[in-house]
Amino acid sequence: MNYLDELKKSKIIFLNFMKGKYPIEEKSNLFLRDFQYAIRAYFESKGKKLSYTESEKLAYDFANYLVSENIFKKISHNTWFLNFLPSDNVTNIAA
């Protein structure tokens, strides 16, 4: 499984990970670098290292996916509006 597929499959887990690690709130702006570094930290917590270039491309690709899911709304090429943030009691089991 590639990294993008893993993020898509575990999007709720990732968003909860990001919420626990970074000060993000529902209905707030999210910037590319914050998103990129959250993705890097997420995969590092799983023992997988991503290069800067890999994580940047993955951040754009995953953000585009979240826009298509109406979780993000694109504001500019490197900024998104967070439409939805899962609650603390949301659970999802990643394989």
N, C-alpha and C. Protein backbone atom coordinates (compact mmCIF):
# COMPACT_ATOMS: atom_id res chain seq x y z
N MET A 1 0.85 -1.18 0.00
CA MET A 1 0.00 0.00 0.00
C MET A 1 0.90 1.24 0.00
N ASN A 2 0.56 2.20 -0.84
CA ASN A 2 1.36 3.43 -0.84
C ASN A 2 0.88 4.37 0.27
N TYR A 3 1.67 5.42 0.50
CA TYR A 3 1.38 6.33 1.61
C TYR A 3 0.05 7.05 1.45
N LEU A 4 -0.28 7.47 0.23
CA LEU A 4 -1.54 8.18 0.02
C LEU A 4 -2.72 7.26 0.31
N ASP A 5 -2.66 6.03 -0.15
CA ASP A 5 -3.74 5.09 0.13
C ASP A 5 -3.88 4.84 1.62
N GLU A 6 -2.74 4.77 2.31
CA GLU A 6 -2.78 4.57 3.75
C GLU A 6 -3.46 5.74 4.46
N LEU A 7 -3.15 6.97 4.02
CA LEU A 7 -3.80 8.14 4.61
C LEU A 7 -5.29 8.17 4.31
N LYS A 8 -5.66 7.84 3.08
CA LYS A 8 -7.08 7.82 2.72
C LYS A 8 -7.83 6.81 3.57
N LYS A 9 -7.25 5.66 3.75
CA LYS A 9 -7.90 4.59 4.52
C LYS A 9 -8.02 4.96 6.00
N SER A 10 -7.06 5.74 6.49
CA SER A 10 -7.01 6.08 7.92
C SER A 10 -7.20 7.57 8.16
N LYS A 11 -8.01 8.23 7.34
CA LYS A 11 -8.12 9.69 7.43
C LYS A 11 -8.60 10.17 8.79
N ILE A 12 -9.54 9.46 9.42
CA ILE A 12 -10.03 9.88 10.74
C ILE A 12 -8.93 9.72 11.79
N ILE A 13 -8.21 8.62 11.71
CA ILE A 13 -7.10 8.40 12.64
C ILE A 13 -6.05 9.48 12.46
N PHE A 14 -5.72 9.78 11.19
CA PHE A 14 -4.71 10.81 10.94
C PHE A 14 -5.18 12.17 11.47
N LEU A 15 -6.42 12.54 11.20
CA LEU A 15 -6.91 13.85 11.65
C LEU A 15 -6.93 13.94 13.17
N ASN A 16 -7.25 12.84 13.84
CA ASN A 16 -7.18 12.82 15.30
C ASN A 16 -5.74 12.91 15.78
N PHE A 17 -4.82 12.25 15.08
CA PHE A 17 -3.39 12.35 15.39
C PHE A 17 -2.94 13.80 15.26
N MET A 18 -3.33 14.43 14.17
CA MET A 18 -2.94 15.81 13.92
C MET A 18 -3.53 16.74 14.98
N LYS A 19 -4.79 16.49 15.32
CA LYS A 19 -5.45 17.32 16.34
C LYS A 19 -4.75 17.18 17.69
N GLY A 20 -4.25 16.00 18.00
CA GLY A 20 -3.56 15.78 19.26
C GLY A 20 -2.17 16.38 19.30
N LYS A 21 -1.59 16.59 18.14
CA LYS A 21 -0.21 17.06 18.06
C LYS A 21 -0.09 18.54 17.73
N TYR A 22 -1.08 19.08 17.05
CA TYR A 22 -1.05 20.47 16.58
C TYR A 22 -2.33 21.18 17.02
N PRO A 23 -2.24 22.49 17.26
CA PRO A 23 -3.43 23.24 17.70
C PRO A 23 -4.35 23.58 16.53
N ILE A 24 -5.13 22.61 16.09
CA ILE A 24 -6.08 22.86 15.00
C ILE A 24 -7.49 22.76 15.55
N GLU A 25 -8.35 23.55 15.00
CA GLU A 25 -9.76 23.57 15.40
C GLU A 25 -10.62 23.48 14.14
N GLU A 26 -11.81 22.96 14.31
CA GLU A 26 -12.76 22.95 13.22
C GLU A 26 -13.03 24.40 12.79
N LYS A 27 -13.23 24.60 11.52
CA LYS A 27 -13.51 25.92 10.93
C LYS A 27 -12.30 26.85 11.02
N SER A 28 -11.10 26.27 10.98
CA SER A 28 -9.88 27.10 10.99
C SER A 28 -9.09 26.85 9.71
N ASN A 29 -8.11 27.69 9.48
CA ASN A 29 -7.25 27.55 8.31
C ASN A 29 -6.13 26.57 8.62
N LEU A 30 -5.73 25.85 7.60
CA LEU A 30 -4.63 24.90 7.72
C LEU A 30 -3.65 25.20 6.60
N PHE A 31 -2.39 25.33 6.97
CA PHE A 31 -1.36 25.71 6.01
C PHE A 31 -0.54 24.50 5.58
N LEU A 32 -0.02 24.57 4.37
CA LEU A 32 0.70 23.44 3.78
C LEU A 32 1.79 22.90 4.70
N ARG A 33 2.66 23.75 5.20
CA ARG A 33 3.79 23.26 6.00
C ARG A 33 3.32 22.56 7.27
N ASP A 34 2.30 23.08 7.92
CA ASP A 34 1.76 22.41 9.11
C ASP A 34 1.23 21.02 8.74
N PHE A 35 0.50 20.96 7.63
CA PHE A 35 -0.07 19.70 7.17
C PHE A 35 1.05 18.73 6.78
N GLN A 36 2.03 19.24 6.07
CA GLN A 36 3.17 18.43 5.63
C GLN A 36 3.91 17.83 6.82
N TYR A 37 4.20 18.65 7.81
CA TYR A 37 4.93 18.15 8.97
C TYR A 37 4.09 17.21 9.83
N ALA A 38 2.80 17.39 9.84
CA ALA A 38 1.92 16.44 10.54
C ALA A 38 1.96 15.09 9.85
N ILE A 39 1.98 15.09 8.53
CA ILE A 39 2.07 13.83 7.77
C ILE A 39 3.40 13.15 8.05
N ARG A 40 4.48 13.92 8.04
CA ARG A 40 5.80 13.35 8.35
C ARG A 40 5.82 12.74 9.75
N ALA A 41 5.27 13.47 10.72
CA ALA A 41 5.25 12.98 12.10
C ALA A 41 4.39 11.72 12.22
N TYR A 42 3.28 11.69 11.51
CA TYR A 42 2.38 10.53 11.53
C TYR A 42 3.12 9.29 11.05
N PHE A 43 3.80 9.40 9.92
CA PHE A 43 4.51 8.24 9.39
C PHE A 43 5.75 7.90 10.22
N GLU A 44 6.41 8.89 10.78
CA GLU A 44 7.55 8.61 11.65
C GLU A 44 7.10 7.85 12.90
N SER A 45 5.89 8.14 13.38
CA SER A 45 5.36 7.41 14.54
C SER A 45 5.09 5.95 14.20
N LYS A 46 5.02 5.65 12.90
CA LYS A 46 4.83 4.28 12.44
C LYS A 46 6.14 3.67 11.95
N GLY A 47 7.26 4.39 12.19
CA GLY A 47 8.57 3.88 11.80
C GLY A 47 8.91 4.06 10.33
N LYS A 48 8.21 4.97 9.65
CA LYS A 48 8.44 5.22 8.23
C LYS A 48 8.94 6.65 8.05
N LYS A 49 10.07 6.81 7.39
CA LYS A 49 10.63 8.15 7.17
C LYS A 49 10.30 8.61 5.77
N LEU A 50 9.83 9.85 5.66
CA LEU A 50 9.55 10.47 4.37
C LEU A 50 10.52 11.62 4.14
N SER A 51 10.94 11.80 2.90
CA SER A 51 11.77 12.95 2.57
C SER A 51 10.89 14.20 2.55
N TYR A 52 11.55 15.35 2.54
CA TYR A 52 10.83 16.61 2.46
C TYR A 52 9.98 16.65 1.20
N THR A 53 10.57 16.27 0.08
CA THR A 53 9.87 16.29 -1.21
C THR A 53 8.69 15.32 -1.23
N GLU A 54 8.91 14.11 -0.72
CA GLU A 54 7.83 13.12 -0.66
C GLU A 54 6.67 13.63 0.19
N SER A 55 7.01 14.18 1.35
CA SER A 55 5.96 14.63 2.26
C SER A 55 5.21 15.84 1.70
N GLU A 56 5.89 16.71 0.96
CA GLU A 56 5.22 17.85 0.35
C GLU A 56 4.23 17.39 -0.72
N LYS A 57 4.67 16.49 -1.59
CA LYS A 57 3.77 15.96 -2.63
C LYS A 57 2.59 15.22 -1.99
N LEU A 58 2.88 14.44 -0.98
CA LEU A 58 1.82 13.71 -0.28
C LEU A 58 0.83 14.66 0.38
N ALA A 59 1.32 15.76 0.95
CA ALA A 59 0.44 16.75 1.57
C ALA A 59 -0.51 17.35 0.54
N TYR A 60 0.01 17.72 -0.63
CA TYR A 60 -0.85 18.25 -1.69
C TYR A 60 -1.87 17.21 -2.16
N ASP A 61 -1.41 15.99 -2.39
CA ASP A 61 -2.30 14.94 -2.89
C ASP A 61 -3.39 14.60 -1.88
N PHE A 62 -3.00 14.48 -0.61
CA PHE A 62 -3.98 14.16 0.43
C PHE A 62 -4.94 15.32 0.65
N ALA A 63 -4.44 16.55 0.60
CA ALA A 63 -5.30 17.72 0.73
C ALA A 63 -6.33 17.76 -0.39
N ASN A 64 -5.91 17.47 -1.61
CA ASN A 64 -6.86 17.42 -2.73
C ASN A 64 -7.93 16.36 -2.51
N TYR A 65 -7.51 15.23 -1.97
CA TYR A 65 -8.48 14.18 -1.64
C TYR A 65 -9.47 14.68 -0.58
N LEU A 66 -8.96 15.34 0.47
CA LEU A 66 -9.85 15.84 1.53
C LEU A 66 -10.77 16.94 1.02
N VAL A 67 -10.33 17.71 0.03
CA VAL A 67 -11.21 18.69 -0.62
C VAL A 67 -12.35 17.94 -1.32
N SER A 68 -12.03 16.86 -2.01
CA SER A 68 -13.07 16.09 -2.71
C SER A 68 -14.04 15.43 -1.74
N GLU A 69 -13.60 15.19 -0.51
CA GLU A 69 -14.45 14.61 0.54
C GLU A 69 -15.19 15.68 1.34
N ASN A 70 -14.98 16.95 1.00
CA ASN A 70 -15.59 18.10 1.68
C ASN A 70 -15.14 18.25 3.14
N ILE A 71 -13.96 17.71 3.44
CA ILE A 71 -13.38 17.91 4.76
C ILE A 71 -12.57 19.19 4.76
N PHE A 72 -11.89 19.47 3.66
CA PHE A 72 -11.16 20.71 3.44
C PHE A 72 -11.85 21.52 2.37
N LYS A 73 -11.69 22.82 2.44
CA LYS A 73 -12.08 23.73 1.36
C LYS A 73 -10.82 24.49 0.97
N LYS A 74 -10.48 24.47 -0.30
CA LYS A 74 -9.25 25.11 -0.76
C LYS A 74 -9.41 26.62 -0.75
N ILE A 75 -8.46 27.31 -0.13
CA ILE A 75 -8.44 28.77 -0.09
C ILE A 75 -7.42 29.30 -1.08
N SER A 76 -6.23 28.68 -1.09
CA SER A 76 -5.17 29.04 -2.03
C SER A 76 -4.36 27.78 -2.32
N HIS A 77 -3.29 27.92 -3.06
CA HIS A 77 -2.50 26.74 -3.42
C HIS A 77 -1.84 26.08 -2.21
N ASN A 78 -1.75 26.77 -1.10
CA ASN A 78 -1.11 26.18 0.09
C ASN A 78 -1.89 26.41 1.39
N THR A 79 -3.17 26.70 1.27
CA THR A 79 -4.01 26.94 2.45
C THR A 79 -5.39 26.33 2.24
N TRP A 80 -5.88 25.69 3.29
CA TRP A 80 -7.21 25.08 3.25
C TRP A 80 -8.00 25.49 4.49
N PHE A 81 -9.30 25.47 4.36
CA PHE A 81 -10.23 25.73 5.46
C PHE A 81 -10.71 24.37 5.93
N LEU A 82 -10.65 24.13 7.22
CA LEU A 82 -11.04 22.84 7.79
C LEU A 82 -12.54 22.83 8.07
N ASN A 83 -13.29 22.15 7.21
CA ASN A 83 -14.75 22.06 7.36
C ASN A 83 -15.15 21.11 8.47
N PHE A 84 -14.34 20.10 8.73
CA PHE A 84 -14.73 19.01 9.61
C PHE A 84 -13.53 18.54 10.39
N LEU A 85 -13.69 18.39 11.67
CA LEU A 85 -12.66 17.79 12.50
C LEU A 85 -13.35 16.75 13.37
N PRO A 86 -12.88 15.52 13.33
CA PRO A 86 -13.56 14.47 14.10
C PRO A 86 -13.50 14.75 15.60
N SER A 87 -14.53 14.31 16.29
CA SER A 87 -14.56 14.49 17.75
C SER A 87 -13.60 13.50 18.39
N ASP A 88 -13.31 13.73 19.67
CA ASP A 88 -12.37 12.87 20.39
C ASP A 88 -12.89 11.44 20.52
N ASN A 89 -14.18 11.25 20.45
CA ASN A 89 -14.71 9.90 20.65
C ASN A 89 -14.89 9.14 19.34
N VAL A 90 -14.43 9.70 18.23
CA VAL A 90 -14.49 8.98 16.95
C VAL A 90 -13.38 7.96 16.92
N THR A 91 -13.72 6.75 16.55
CA THR A 91 -12.71 5.72 16.44
C THR A 91 -12.76 5.10 15.05
N ASN A 92 -11.61 4.67 14.61
CA ASN A 92 -11.47 4.01 13.32
C ASN A 92 -10.26 3.11 13.46
N ILE A 93 -10.36 1.90 13.00
CA ILE A 93 -9.26 0.97 13.15
C ILE A 93 -8.52 0.86 11.83
N ALA A 94 -7.25 1.19 11.85
CA ALA A 94 -6.41 1.10 10.65
C ALA A 94 -5.75 -0.27 10.62
N ALA A 95 -5.61 -0.77 9.43
CA ALA A 95 -4.96 -2.07 9.29
C ALA A 95 -3.45 -1.90 9.32
